[in-house]
Structure formats: structure tokens, C-alpha cells
N, C-alpha and C. Protein backbone atom coordinates (compact mmCIF):
# COMPACT_ATOMS: atom_id res chain seq x y z
N MET A 1 -57.14 -1.45 15.80
CA MET A 1 -56.37 -1.25 15.15
C MET A 1 -54.71 -1.60 16.23
N MET A 2 -54.16 -2.22 15.56
CA MET A 2 -52.57 -3.14 16.46
C MET A 2 -51.99 -2.05 17.05
N ASN A 3 -51.20 -2.61 18.13
CA ASN A 3 -50.40 -1.49 18.73
C ASN A 3 -49.14 -1.55 18.18
N ILE A 4 -48.87 -0.09 17.82
CA ILE A 4 -47.93 -0.01 16.60
C ILE A 4 -46.28 0.00 17.78
N PHE A 5 -46.41 0.14 18.86
CA PHE A 5 -45.10 -0.10 19.79
C PHE A 5 -44.74 -1.46 20.19
N LEU A 6 -45.81 -2.06 20.29
CA LEU A 6 -45.71 -3.99 20.28
C LEU A 6 -44.98 -4.45 19.14
N VAL A 7 -45.53 -4.04 18.12
CA VAL A 7 -45.35 -4.43 16.72
C VAL A 7 -43.73 -4.25 16.40
N THR A 8 -43.50 -3.12 16.82
CA THR A 8 -41.89 -2.21 16.81
C THR A 8 -41.16 -3.07 17.22
N LYS A 9 -41.55 -3.59 18.71
CA LYS A 9 -40.38 -4.44 19.67
C LYS A 9 -40.73 -5.74 19.21
N THR A 10 -41.61 -6.13 18.83
CA THR A 10 -42.06 -7.68 18.44
C THR A 10 -40.61 -7.71 16.74
N LEU A 11 -41.14 -7.12 16.05
CA LEU A 11 -39.96 -7.02 15.33
C LEU A 11 -38.59 -6.69 15.22
N LYS A 12 -38.03 -5.77 16.15
CA LYS A 12 -36.92 -5.62 16.32
C LYS A 12 -36.32 -6.81 17.30
N LYS A 13 -37.24 -7.59 17.86
CA LYS A 13 -36.50 -9.03 19.00
C LYS A 13 -36.27 -10.15 18.02
N TYR A 14 -37.05 -10.00 16.70
CA TYR A 14 -37.49 -11.08 15.63
C TYR A 14 -36.09 -10.50 14.81
N SER A 15 -35.64 -9.35 14.47
CA SER A 15 -34.87 -9.36 13.46
C SER A 15 -33.34 -9.74 14.24
N VAL A 16 -33.48 -9.26 15.34
CA VAL A 16 -32.11 -9.32 16.19
C VAL A 16 -31.72 -10.77 15.71
N THR A 17 -32.87 -11.69 16.12
CA THR A 17 -32.71 -13.37 16.30
C THR A 17 -32.33 -13.73 14.54
N ILE A 18 -32.75 -13.19 13.81
CA ILE A 18 -32.99 -13.70 12.53
C ILE A 18 -31.42 -13.16 12.02
N LEU A 19 -30.55 -12.09 12.63
CA LEU A 19 -29.47 -11.60 11.91
C LEU A 19 -28.45 -12.54 12.46
N LYS A 20 -28.62 -13.07 13.99
CA LYS A 20 -27.79 -14.03 14.50
C LYS A 20 -27.74 -15.53 13.93
N ILE A 21 -28.73 -15.83 13.50
CA ILE A 21 -29.11 -16.84 12.51
C ILE A 21 -28.38 -16.84 11.35
N PHE A 22 -28.64 -15.69 10.87
CA PHE A 22 -28.02 -15.33 9.35
C PHE A 22 -26.30 -15.50 9.52
N PHE A 23 -26.08 -14.70 10.63
CA PHE A 23 -24.49 -14.70 11.00
C PHE A 23 -23.75 -16.02 11.01
N PHE A 24 -24.42 -16.95 11.69
CA PHE A 24 -24.03 -18.11 12.00
C PHE A 24 -23.79 -19.45 10.92
N ILE A 25 -24.92 -18.60 10.24
CA ILE A 25 -25.02 -19.70 8.91
C ILE A 25 -24.14 -19.22 7.72
N PHE A 26 -23.14 -17.87 8.07
CA PHE A 26 -22.41 -17.72 7.11
C PHE A 26 -21.45 -18.01 7.45
N HIS A 27 -21.01 -18.10 8.95
CA HIS A 27 -20.03 -18.27 9.42
C HIS A 27 -19.79 -19.70 9.14
N PHE A 28 -20.64 -20.79 9.24
CA PHE A 28 -20.71 -21.91 8.51
C PHE A 28 -20.24 -22.61 7.68
N LEU A 29 -20.66 -21.40 6.32
CA LEU A 29 -20.44 -22.05 5.33
C LEU A 29 -18.83 -21.01 4.88
N PHE A 30 -18.51 -19.80 5.34
CA PHE A 30 -17.16 -19.97 5.25
C PHE A 30 -16.20 -20.98 5.86
N GLN A 31 -16.88 -21.44 6.79
CA GLN A 31 -15.97 -22.72 7.65
C GLN A 31 -15.41 -24.02 6.59
N GLN A 32 -16.14 -24.22 5.97
CA GLN A 32 -15.81 -25.09 4.85
C GLN A 32 -15.23 -25.24 3.34
């Protein structure tokens, strides 16, 4: 069985990164 804590930690880490990238793209689109 997978470690729940490890999965949650990884998901949080990736979600923050995805949010930053999403925000950057959104900002770039508004600039044009």
C-alpha cells in the first residue's frame, strides 16, 4: 500500500507548482 502522507505531500508540492504556472500563463494572456 502507498504511503498516504507521502502522496499528500507530493500532491501539495505539485499543486503549488501547477498553480504558479497557471497564474503565470494567466498573467501573460492578460498582458497581450
